[in-house]
PDB file of N, CA and C in Angstrom:
ATOM      1  N   UNK A   1      14.470  -0.096  -6.428  1.00  0.00           N
ATOM      2  CA  UNK A   1      13.234  -0.843  -6.509  1.00  0.00           C
ATOM      3  C   UNK A   1      13.254  -1.915  -5.429  1.00  0.00           C
ATOM      4  N   UNK A   2      12.145  -2.011  -4.710  1.00  0.00           N
ATOM      5  CA  UNK A   2      12.014  -2.999  -3.652  1.00  0.00           C
ATOM      6  C   UNK A   2      10.946  -4.013  -4.052  1.00  0.00           C
ATOM      7  N   UNK A   3      11.271  -5.275  -3.954  1.00  0.00           N
ATOM      8  CA  UNK A   3      10.308  -6.326  -4.257  1.00  0.00           C
ATOM      9  C   UNK A   3       9.634  -6.780  -2.965  1.00  0.00           C
ATOM     10  N   UNK A   4       8.342  -6.906  -3.027  1.00  0.00           N
ATOM     11  CA  UNK A   4       7.585  -7.467  -1.922  1.00  0.00           C
ATOM     12  C   UNK A   4       7.305  -8.924  -2.256  1.00  0.00           C
ATOM     13  N   UNK A   5       7.265  -9.757  -1.251  1.00  0.00           N
ATOM     14  CA  UNK A   5       7.085 -11.185  -1.498  1.00  0.00           C
ATOM     15  C   UNK A   5       5.658 -11.665  -1.277  1.00  0.00           C
ATOM     16  N   UNK A   6       4.868 -10.914  -0.545  1.00  0.00           N
ATOM     17  CA  UNK A   6       3.506 -11.348  -0.211  1.00  0.00           C
ATOM     18  C   UNK A   6       2.453 -10.394  -0.755  1.00  0.00           C
ATOM     19  N   UNK A   7       2.638  -9.102  -0.576  1.00  0.00           N
ATOM     20  CA  UNK A   7       1.674  -8.124  -1.073  1.00  0.00           C
ATOM     21  C   UNK A   7       1.844  -7.923  -2.574  1.00  0.00           C
ATOM     22  N   UNK A   8       0.730  -7.921  -3.280  1.00  0.00           N
ATOM     23  CA  UNK A   8       0.704  -7.601  -4.701  1.00  0.00           C
ATOM     24  C   UNK A   8      -0.219  -6.402  -4.870  1.00  0.00           C
ATOM     25  N   UNK A   9       0.259  -5.378  -5.566  1.00  0.00           N
ATOM     26  CA  UNK A   9      -0.489  -4.138  -5.713  1.00  0.00           C
ATOM     27  C   UNK A   9      -1.029  -3.968  -7.118  1.00  0.00           C
ATOM     28  N   UNK A  10      -2.166  -3.306  -7.182  1.00  0.00           N
ATOM     29  CA  UNK A  10      -2.785  -2.899  -8.425  1.00  0.00           C
ATOM     30  C   UNK A  10      -3.061  -1.403  -8.299  1.00  0.00           C
ATOM     31  N   UNK A  11      -2.713  -0.634  -9.327  1.00  0.00           N
ATOM     32  CA  UNK A  11      -2.878   0.817  -9.264  1.00  0.00           C
ATOM     33  C   UNK A  11      -3.956   1.259 -10.237  1.00  0.00           C
ATOM     34  N   UNK A  12      -4.787   2.175  -9.761  1.00  0.00           N
ATOM     35  CA  UNK A  12      -5.784   2.816 -10.619  1.00  0.00           C
ATOM     36  C   UNK A  12      -5.710   4.314 -10.374  1.00  0.00           C
ATOM     37  N   UNK A  13      -6.008   5.086 -11.417  1.00  0.00           N
ATOM     38  CA  UNK A  13      -5.955   6.539 -11.306  1.00  0.00           C
ATOM     39  C   UNK A  13      -7.228   7.138 -11.876  1.00  0.00           C
ATOM     40  N   UNK A  14      -7.632   8.272 -11.287  1.00  0.00           N
ATOM     41  CA  UNK A  14      -8.793   8.968 -11.820  1.00  0.00           C
ATOM     42  C   UNK A  14      -8.331  10.168 -12.646  1.00  0.00           C
ATOM     43  N   UNK A  15      -9.258  10.914 -13.183  1.00  0.00           N
ATOM     44  CA  UNK A  15      -8.912  12.030 -14.051  1.00  0.00           C
ATOM     45  C   UNK A  15      -8.526  13.282 -13.275  1.00  0.00           C
ATOM     46  N   UNK A  16      -8.646  13.264 -11.962  1.00  0.00           N
ATOM     47  CA  UNK A  16      -8.302  14.429 -11.142  1.00  0.00           C
ATOM     48  C   UNK A  16      -6.877  14.360 -10.600  1.00  0.00           C
ATOM     49  N   UNK A  17      -6.072  13.397 -11.056  1.00  0.00           N
ATOM     50  CA  UNK A  17      -4.694  13.291 -10.596  1.00  0.00           C
ATOM     51  C   UNK A  17      -4.542  12.562  -9.278  1.00  0.00           C
ATOM     52  N   UNK A  18      -5.576  11.895  -8.840  1.00  0.00           N
ATOM     53  CA  UNK A  18      -5.533  11.107  -7.604  1.00  0.00           C
ATOM     54  C   UNK A  18      -5.600   9.641  -8.003  1.00  0.00           C
ATOM     55  N   UNK A  19      -4.845   8.815  -7.323  1.00  0.00           N
ATOM     56  CA  UNK A  19      -4.845   7.398  -7.642  1.00  0.00           C
ATOM     57  C   UNK A  19      -4.863   6.546  -6.396  1.00  0.00           C
ATOM     58  N   UNK A  20      -5.028   5.266  -6.626  1.00  0.00           N
ATOM     59  CA  UNK A  20      -5.097   4.301  -5.538  1.00  0.00           C
ATOM     60  C   UNK A  20      -4.209   3.112  -5.867  1.00  0.00           C
ATOM     61  N   UNK A  21      -3.426   2.716  -4.887  1.00  0.00           N
ATOM     62  CA  UNK A  21      -2.642   1.486  -4.978  1.00  0.00           C
ATOM     63  C   UNK A  21      -3.227   0.538  -3.940  1.00  0.00           C
ATOM     64  N   UNK A  22      -3.816  -0.539  -4.431  1.00  0.00           N
ATOM     65  CA  UNK A  22      -4.448  -1.489  -3.526  1.00  0.00           C
ATOM     66  C   UNK A  22      -3.634  -2.772  -3.509  1.00  0.00           C
ATOM     67  N   UNK A  23      -3.139  -3.117  -2.326  1.00  0.00           N
ATOM     68  CA  UNK A  23      -2.332  -4.308  -2.170  1.00  0.00           C
ATOM     69  C   UNK A  23      -3.019  -5.337  -1.297  1.00  0.00           C
ATOM     70  N   UNK A  24      -2.809  -6.601  -1.639  1.00  0.00           N
ATOM     71  CA  UNK A  24      -3.431  -7.665  -0.870  1.00  0.00           C
ATOM     72  C   UNK A  24      -2.502  -8.860  -0.784  1.00  0.00           C
ATOM     73  N   UNK A  25      -2.553  -9.510   0.359  1.00  0.00           N
ATOM     74  CA  UNK A  25      -1.832 -10.769   0.558  1.00  0.00           C
ATOM     75  C   UNK A  25      -2.724 -11.694   1.357  1.00  0.00           C
ATOM     76  N   UNK A  26      -2.932 -12.889   0.871  1.00  0.00           N
ATOM     77  CA  UNK A  26      -3.664 -13.928   1.605  1.00  0.00           C
ATOM     78  C   UNK A  26      -2.672 -15.030   1.925  1.00  0.00           C
ATOM     79  N   UNK A  27      -2.518 -15.285   3.208  1.00  0.00           N
ATOM     80  CA  UNK A  27      -1.501 -16.241   3.644  1.00  0.00           C
ATOM     81  C   UNK A  27      -2.053 -17.155   4.720  1.00  0.00           C
ATOM     82  N   UNK A  28      -1.311 -18.209   4.976  1.00  0.00           N
ATOM     83  CA  UNK A  28      -1.655 -19.062   6.103  1.00  0.00           C
ATOM     84  C   UNK A  28      -1.175 -18.380   7.389  1.00  0.00           C
ATOM     85  N   UNK A  29      -1.539 -18.940   8.516  1.00  0.00           N
ATOM     86  CA  UNK A  29      -1.207 -18.335   9.806  1.00  0.00           C
ATOM     87  C   UNK A  29       0.297 -18.202  10.000  1.00  0.00           C
ATOM     88  N   UNK A  30       1.035 -19.154   9.510  1.00  0.00           N
ATOM     89  CA  UNK A  30       2.483 -19.159   9.685  1.00  0.00           C
ATOM     90  C   UNK A  30       3.159 -17.992   8.958  1.00  0.00           C
ATOM     91  N   UNK A  31       2.604 -17.575   7.837  1.00  0.00           N
ATOM     92  CA  UNK A  31       3.206 -16.538   7.005  1.00  0.00           C
ATOM     93  C   UNK A  31       2.590 -15.163   7.241  1.00  0.00           C
ATOM     94  N   UNK A  32       1.513 -15.103   7.982  1.00  0.00           N
ATOM     95  CA  UNK A  32       0.775 -13.848   8.182  1.00  0.00           C
ATOM     96  C   UNK A  32       1.656 -12.719   8.714  1.00  0.00           C
ATOM     97  N   UNK A  33       2.510 -12.991   9.669  1.00  0.00           N
ATOM     98  CA  UNK A  33       3.348 -11.943  10.258  1.00  0.00           C
ATOM     99  C   UNK A  33       4.267 -11.316   9.207  1.00  0.00           C
ATOM    100  N   UNK A  34       4.721 -12.097   8.247  1.00  0.00           N
ATOM    101  CA  UNK A  34       5.590 -11.559   7.200  1.00  0.00           C
ATOM    102  C   UNK A  34       4.814 -10.650   6.249  1.00  0.00           C
ATOM    103  N   UNK A  35       3.588 -11.030   5.923  1.00  0.00           N
ATOM    104  CA  UNK A  35       2.754 -10.179   5.067  1.00  0.00           C
ATOM    105  C   UNK A  35       2.429  -8.869   5.779  1.00  0.00           C
ATOM    106  N   UNK A  36       2.127  -8.947   7.049  1.00  0.00           N
ATOM    107  CA  UNK A  36       1.844  -7.750   7.832  1.00  0.00           C
ATOM    108  C   UNK A  36       3.081  -6.855   7.936  1.00  0.00           C
ATOM    109  N   UNK A  37       4.253  -7.462   8.068  1.00  0.00           N
ATOM    110  CA  UNK A  37       5.504  -6.700   8.112  1.00  0.00           C
ATOM    111  C   UNK A  37       5.747  -5.970   6.791  1.00  0.00           C
ATOM    112  N   UNK A  38       5.373  -6.582   5.671  1.00  0.00           N
ATOM    113  CA  UNK A  38       5.508  -5.902   4.391  1.00  0.00           C
ATOM    114  C   UNK A  38       4.601  -4.679   4.325  1.00  0.00           C
ATOM    115  N   UNK A  39       3.370  -4.828   4.800  1.00  0.00           N
ATOM    116  CA  UNK A  39       2.459  -3.676   4.823  1.00  0.00           C
ATOM    117  C   UNK A  39       3.058  -2.562   5.666  1.00  0.00           C
ATOM    118  N   UNK A  40       3.632  -2.899   6.802  1.00  0.00           N
ATOM    119  CA  UNK A  40       4.262  -1.886   7.654  1.00  0.00           C
ATOM    120  C   UNK A  40       5.464  -1.261   6.961  1.00  0.00           C
ATOM    121  N   UNK A  41       6.224  -2.043   6.210  1.00  0.00           N
ATOM    122  CA  UNK A  41       7.370  -1.499   5.482  1.00  0.00           C
ATOM    123  C   UNK A  41       6.926  -0.494   4.421  1.00  0.00           C
ATOM    124  N   UNK A  42       5.824  -0.772   3.736  1.00  0.00           N
ATOM    125  CA  UNK A  42       5.292   0.165   2.744  1.00  0.00           C
ATOM    126  C   UNK A  42       4.855   1.455   3.436  1.00  0.00           C
ATOM    127  N   UNK A  43       4.176   1.331   4.571  1.00  0.00           N
ATOM    128  CA  UNK A  43       3.750   2.526   5.306  1.00  0.00           C
ATOM    129  C   UNK A  43       4.945   3.315   5.839  1.00  0.00           C
ATOM    130  N   UNK A  44       5.971   2.628   6.273  1.00  0.00           N
ATOM    131  CA  UNK A  44       7.187   3.303   6.743  1.00  0.00           C
ATOM    132  C   UNK A  44       7.840   4.072   5.597  1.00  0.00           C
ATOM    133  N   UNK A  45       7.898   3.464   4.408  1.00  0.00           N
ATOM    134  CA  UNK A  45       8.430   4.154   3.229  1.00  0.00           C
ATOM    135  C   UNK A  45       7.606   5.400   2.925  1.00  0.00           C
ATOM    136  N   UNK A  46       6.281   5.263   2.916  1.00  0.00           N
ATOM    137  CA  UNK A  46       5.406   6.401   2.591  1.00  0.00           C
ATOM    138  C   UNK A  46       5.598   7.533   3.597  1.00  0.00           C
ATOM    139  N   UNK A  47       5.686   7.202   4.865  1.00  0.00           N
ATOM    140  CA  UNK A  47       5.870   8.219   5.900  1.00  0.00           C
ATOM    141  C   UNK A  47       7.230   8.898   5.756  1.00  0.00           C
ATOM    142  N   UNK A  48       8.270   8.137   5.441  1.00  0.00           N
ATOM    143  CA  UNK A  48       9.601   8.718   5.268  1.00  0.00           C
ATOM    144  C   UNK A  48       9.658   9.608   4.031  1.00  0.00           C
ATOM    145  N   UNK A  49       8.968   9.194   2.972  1.00  0.00           N
ATOM    146  CA  UNK A  49       8.956   9.960   1.729  1.00  0.00           C
ATOM    147  C   UNK A  49       8.214  11.275   1.899  1.00  0.00           C
ATOM    148  N   UNK A  50       7.165  11.253   2.664  1.00  0.00           N
ATOM    149  CA  UNK A  50       6.313  12.435   2.809  1.00  0.00           C
ATOM    150  C   UNK A  50       5.843  12.547   4.253  1.00  0.00           C
ATOM    151  N   UNK A  51       6.734  12.939   5.168  1.00  0.00           N
ATOM    152  CA  UNK A  51       6.400  12.900   6.594  1.00  0.00           C
ATOM    153  C   UNK A  51       5.255  13.817   7.019  1.00  0.00           C
ATOM    154  N   UNK A  52       4.999  14.883   6.270  1.00  0.00           N
ATOM    155  CA  UNK A  52       3.907  15.788   6.635  1.00  0.00           C
ATOM    156  C   UNK A  52       2.753  15.694   5.644  1.00  0.00           C
ATOM    157  N   UNK A  53       2.797  14.690   4.769  1.00  0.00           N
ATOM    158  CA  UNK A  53       1.799  14.578   3.718  1.00  0.00           C
ATOM    159  C   UNK A  53       0.723  13.551   3.957  1.00  0.00           C
ATOM    160  N   UNK A  54       0.681  12.929   5.151  1.00  0.00           N
ATOM    161  CA  UNK A  54      -0.297  11.877   5.419  1.00  0.00           C
ATOM    162  C   UNK A  54      -1.577  12.463   5.995  1.00  0.00           C
ATOM    163  N   UNK A  55      -2.680  12.173   5.340  1.00  0.00           N
ATOM    164  CA  UNK A  55      -3.980  12.626   5.818  1.00  0.00           C
ATOM    165  C   UNK A  55      -4.972  12.647   4.671  1.00  0.00           C
ATOM    166  N   UNK A  56      -6.178  13.108   4.941  1.00  0.00           N
ATOM    167  CA  UNK A  56      -7.220  13.127   3.906  1.00  0.00           C
ATOM    168  C   UNK A  56      -6.809  13.950   2.683  1.00  0.00           C
ATOM    169  N   UNK A  57      -6.949  13.360   1.513  1.00  0.00           N
ATOM    170  CA  UNK A  57      -6.554  14.032   0.286  1.00  0.00           C
ATOM    171  C   UNK A  57      -7.404  15.262   0.023  1.00  0.00           C
ATOM    172  N   UNK A  58      -8.675  15.205   0.403  1.00  0.00           N
ATOM    173  CA  UNK A  58      -9.547  16.360   0.170  1.00  0.00           C
ATOM    174  C   UNK A  58      -9.224  17.535   1.087  1.00  0.00           C
ATOM    175  N   UNK A  59      -8.303  17.331   2.020  1.00  0.00           N
ATOM    176  CA  UNK A  59      -7.826  18.421   2.869  1.00  0.00           C
ATOM    177  C   UNK A  59      -6.429  18.881   2.451  1.00  0.00           C
ATOM    178  N   UNK A  60      -5.958  18.392   1.294  1.00  0.00           N
ATOM    179  CA  UNK A  60      -4.699  18.851   0.745  1.00  0.00           C
ATOM    180  C   UNK A  60      -3.480  18.004   1.062  1.00  0.00           C
ATOM    181  N   UNK A  61      -3.659  16.869   1.716  1.00  0.00           N
ATOM    182  CA  UNK A  61      -2.522  16.001   2.003  1.00  0.00           C
ATOM    183  C   UNK A  61      -2.128  15.224   0.755  1.00  0.00           C
ATOM    184  N   UNK A  62      -0.909  14.671   0.752  1.00  0.00           N
ATOM    185  CA  UNK A  62      -0.387  13.973  -0.420  1.00  0.00           C
ATOM    186  C   UNK A  62      -0.807  12.506  -0.488  1.00  0.00           C
ATOM    187  N   UNK A  63      -1.001  11.871   0.660  1.00  0.00           N
ATOM    188  CA  UNK A  63      -1.358  10.455   0.651  1.00  0.00           C
ATOM    189  C   UNK A  63      -2.133  10.096   1.910  1.00  0.00           C
ATOM    190  N   UNK A  64      -2.880   9.012   1.812  1.00  0.00           N
ATOM    191  CA  UNK A  64      -3.627   8.471   2.944  1.00  0.00           C
ATOM    192  C   UNK A  64      -3.652   6.954   2.785  1.00  0.00           C
ATOM    193  N   UNK A  65      -4.073   6.265   3.817  1.00  0.00           N
ATOM    194  CA  UNK A  65      -4.081   4.805   3.726  1.00  0.00           C
ATOM    195  C   UNK A  65      -5.221   4.194   4.529  1.00  0.00           C
ATOM    196  N   UNK A  66      -5.485   2.938   4.213  1.00  0.00           N
ATOM    197  CA  UNK A  66      -6.432   2.117   4.956  1.00  0.00           C
ATOM    198  C   UNK A  66      -5.825   0.718   5.020  1.00  0.00           C
ATOM    199  N   UNK A  67      -5.697   0.191   6.223  1.00  0.00           N
ATOM    200  CA  UNK A  67      -5.150  -1.147   6.428  1.00  0.00           C
ATOM    201  C   UNK A  67      -6.228  -2.020   7.047  1.00  0.00           C
ATOM    202  N   UNK A  68      -6.534  -3.121   6.381  1.00  0.00           N
ATOM    203  CA  UNK A  68      -7.545  -4.060   6.865  1.00  0.00           C
ATOM    204  C   UNK A  68      -6.900  -5.438   7.032  1.00  0.00           C
ATOM    205  N   UNK A  69      -7.238  -6.098   8.127  1.00  0.00           N
ATOM    206  CA  UNK A  69      -6.728  -7.442   8.397  1.00  0.00           C
ATOM    207  C   UNK A  69      -7.928  -8.315   8.725  1.00  0.00           C
ATOM    208  N   UNK A  70      -8.022  -9.446   8.056  1.00  0.00           N
ATOM    209  CA  UNK A  70      -9.135 -10.350   8.321  1.00  0.00           C
ATOM    210  C   UNK A  70      -8.644 -11.789   8.345  1.00  0.00           C
ATOM    211  N   UNK A  71      -9.457 -12.627   8.938  1.00  0.00           N
ATOM    212  CA  UNK A  71      -9.132 -14.055   9.012  1.00  0.00           C
ATOM    213  C   UNK A  71     -10.377 -14.855   8.706  1.00  0.00           C
ATOM    214  N   UNK A  72     -10.205 -15.859   7.874  1.00  0.00           N
ATOM    215  CA  UNK A  72     -11.282 -16.799   7.568  1.00  0.00           C
ATOM    216  C   UNK A  72     -10.689 -18.190   7.625  1.00  0.00           C
ATOM    217  N   UNK A  73     -11.065 -18.922   8.652  1.00  0.00           N
ATOM    218  CA  UNK A  73     -10.470 -20.240   8.858  1.00  0.00           C
ATOM    219  C   UNK A  73      -8.989 -20.101   9.119  1.00  0.00           C
ATOM    220  N   UNK A  74      -8.181 -20.835   8.346  1.00  0.00           N
ATOM    221  CA  UNK A  74      -6.730 -20.789   8.496  1.00  0.00           C
ATOM    222  C   UNK A  74      -6.067 -19.696   7.664  1.00  0.00           C
ATOM    223  N   UNK A  75      -6.852 -18.955   6.870  1.00  0.00           N
ATOM    224  CA  UNK A  75      -6.290 -17.937   5.974  1.00  0.00           C
ATOM    225  C   UNK A  75      -6.417 -16.552   6.573  1.00  0.00           C
ATOM    226  N   UNK A  76      -5.345 -15.787   6.436  1.00  0.00           N
ATOM    227  CA  UNK A  76      -5.290 -14.399   6.900  1.00  0.00           C
ATOM    228  C   UNK A  76      -5.116 -13.510   5.680  1.00  0.00           C
ATOM    229  N   UNK A  77      -5.858 -12.415   5.633  1.00  0.00           N
ATOM    230  CA  UNK A  77      -5.753 -11.484   4.512  1.00  0.00           C
ATOM    231  C   UNK A  77      -5.368 -10.108   5.027  1.00  0.00           C
ATOM    232  N   UNK A  78      -4.354  -9.552   4.411  1.00  0.00           N
ATOM    233  CA  UNK A  78      -3.918  -8.186   4.687  1.00  0.00           C
ATOM    234  C   UNK A  78      -4.229  -7.381   3.436  1.00  0.00           C
ATOM    235  N   UNK A  79      -4.990  -6.304   3.594  1.00  0.00           N
ATOM    236  CA  UNK A  79      -5.300  -5.412   2.489  1.00  0.00           C
ATOM    237  C   UNK A  79      -4.832  -4.016   2.860  1.00  0.00           C
ATOM    238  N   UNK A  80      -3.940  -3.462   2.058  1.00  0.00           N
ATOM    239  CA  UNK A  80      -3.424  -2.116   2.275  1.00  0.00           C
ATOM    240  C   UNK A  80      -3.788  -1.274   1.060  1.00  0.00           C
ATOM    241  N   UNK A  81      -4.549  -0.218   1.295  1.00  0.00           N
ATOM    242  CA  UNK A  81      -4.932   0.703   0.237  1.00  0.00           C
ATOM    243  C   UNK A  81      -4.272   2.042   0.498  1.00  0.00           C
ATOM    244  N   UNK A  82      -3.521   2.503  -0.483  1.00  0.00           N
ATOM    245  CA  UNK A  82      -2.899   3.822  -0.433  1.00  0.00           C
ATOM    246  C   UNK A  82      -3.564   4.696  -1.482  1.00  0.00           C
ATOM    247  N   UNK A  83      -4.002   5.871  -1.085  1.00  0.00           N
ATOM    248  CA  UNK A  83      -4.515   6.858  -2.027  1.00  0.00           C
ATOM    249  C   UNK A  83      -3.516   7.988  -2.046  1.00  0.00           C
ATOM    250  N   UNK A  84      -3.284   8.546  -3.233  1.00  0.00           N
ATOM    251  CA  UNK A  84      -2.294   9.611  -3.274  1.00  0.00           C
ATOM    252  C   UNK A  84      -2.324  10.415  -4.552  1.00  0.00           C
ATOM    253  N   UNK A  85      -1.521  11.460  -4.532  1.00  0.00           N
ATOM    254  CA  UNK A  85      -1.368  12.310  -5.702  1.00  0.00           C
ATOM    255  C   UNK A  85      -0.600  11.559  -6.781  1.00  0.00           C
ATOM    256  N   UNK A  86      -0.599  12.123  -7.975  1.00  0.00           N
ATOM    257  CA  UNK A  86       0.140  11.504  -9.077  1.00  0.00           C
ATOM    258  C   UNK A  86       1.625  11.382  -8.733  1.00  0.00           C
ATOM    259  N   UNK A  87       2.197  12.404  -8.102  1.00  0.00           N
ATOM    260  CA  UNK A  87       3.622  12.351  -7.732  1.00  0.00           C
ATOM    261  C   UNK A  87       3.887  11.249  -6.710  1.00  0.00           C
ATOM    262  N   UNK A  88       2.996  11.092  -5.750  1.00  0.00           N
ATOM    263  CA  UNK A  88       3.155  10.036  -4.752  1.00  0.00           C
ATOM    264  C   UNK A  88       3.091   8.664  -5.415  1.00  0.00           C
ATOM    265  N   UNK A  89       2.111   8.468  -6.306  1.00  0.00           N
ATOM    266  CA  UNK A  89       1.978   7.169  -6.972  1.00  0.00           C
ATOM    267  C   UNK A  89       3.133   6.884  -7.919  1.00  0.00           C
ATOM    268  N   UNK A  90       3.674   7.909  -8.553  1.00  0.00           N
ATOM    269  CA  UNK A  90       4.855   7.701  -9.400  1.00  0.00           C
ATOM    270  C   UNK A  90       6.029   7.207  -8.559  1.00  0.00           C
ATOM    271  N   UNK A  91       6.229   7.823  -7.400  1.00  0.00           N
ATOM    272  CA  UNK A  91       7.305   7.379  -6.500  1.00  0.00           C
ATOM    273  C   UNK A  91       7.043   5.959  -6.016  1.00  0.00           C
ATOM    274  N   UNK A  92       5.777   5.642  -5.729  1.00  0.00           N
ATOM    275  CA  UNK A  92       5.403   4.291  -5.304  1.00  0.00           C
ATOM    276  C   UNK A  92       5.742   3.281  -6.396  1.00  0.00           C
ATOM    277  N   UNK A  93       5.379   3.608  -7.632  1.00  0.00           N
ATOM    278  CA  UNK A  93       5.682   2.714  -8.767  1.00  0.00           C
ATOM    279  C   UNK A  93       7.174   2.452  -8.890  1.00  0.00           C
ATOM    280  N   UNK A  94       7.967   3.498  -8.771  1.00  0.00           N
ATOM    281  CA  UNK A  94       9.424   3.322  -8.893  1.00  0.00           C
ATOM    282  C   UNK A  94       9.957   2.437  -7.762  1.00  0.00           C
ATOM    283  N   UNK A  95       9.463   2.635  -6.563  1.00  0.00           N
ATOM    284  CA  UNK A  95       9.989   1.902  -5.409  1.00  0.00           C
ATOM    285  C   UNK A  95       9.545   0.436  -5.384  1.00  0.00           C
ATOM    286  N   UNK A  96       8.286   0.191  -5.762  1.00  0.00           N
ATOM    287  CA  UNK A  96       7.720  -1.147  -5.621  1.00  0.00           C
ATOM    288  C   UNK A  96       7.298  -1.765  -6.968  1.00  0.00           C
ATOM    289  N   UNK A  97       7.960  -1.395  -8.040  1.00  0.00           N
ATOM    290  CA  UNK A  97       7.583  -1.836  -9.379  1.00  0.00           C
ATOM    291  C   UNK A  97       7.479  -3.357  -9.510  1.00  0.00           C
ATOM    292  N   UNK A  98       8.333  -4.075  -8.858  1.00  0.00           N
ATOM    293  CA  UNK A  98       8.340  -5.535  -8.980  1.00  0.00           C
ATOM    294  C   UNK A  98       7.105  -6.175  -8.359  1.00  0.00           C
ATOM    295  N   UNK A  99       6.355  -5.438  -7.550  1.00  0.00           N
ATOM    296  CA  UNK A  99       5.185  -5.996  -6.863  1.00  0.00           C
ATOM    297  C   UNK A  99       3.868  -5.512  -7.452  1.00  0.00           C
ATOM    298  N   UNK A 100       3.911  -4.901  -8.633  1.00  0.00           N
ATOM    299  CA  UNK A 100       2.700  -4.406  -9.280  1.00  0.00           C
ATOM    300  C   UNK A 100       2.178  -5.423 -10.270  1.00  0.00           C
ATOM    301  N   UNK A 101       0.874  -5.519 -10.334  1.00  0.00           N
ATOM    302  CA  UNK A 101       0.253  -6.418 -11.315  1.00  0.00           C
ATOM    303  C   UNK A 101       0.114  -5.707 -12.635  1.00  0.00           C
TER     304      UNK A 101
END
């Protein structure tokens, strides 16, 4: 299990076996690079776990993602959304359980 210090994830699942893990971190400018590094670490884990499974789920891939970065004044927000199969989300839960709401 890996604990993240900035990103906090919330998981939702639909009835078709597809789910979403949405993570967000809002930080000051000084801490922004660390939050962004956590998002990259999650993506690196996902790619290592399923190197040929990244792409649109409706085309048969196991997982996909969307990374958004925004700034408002002195605050930076990193939002990482992972969509995936039930097996992918189960592995995500085991790996990042300490960072789930």
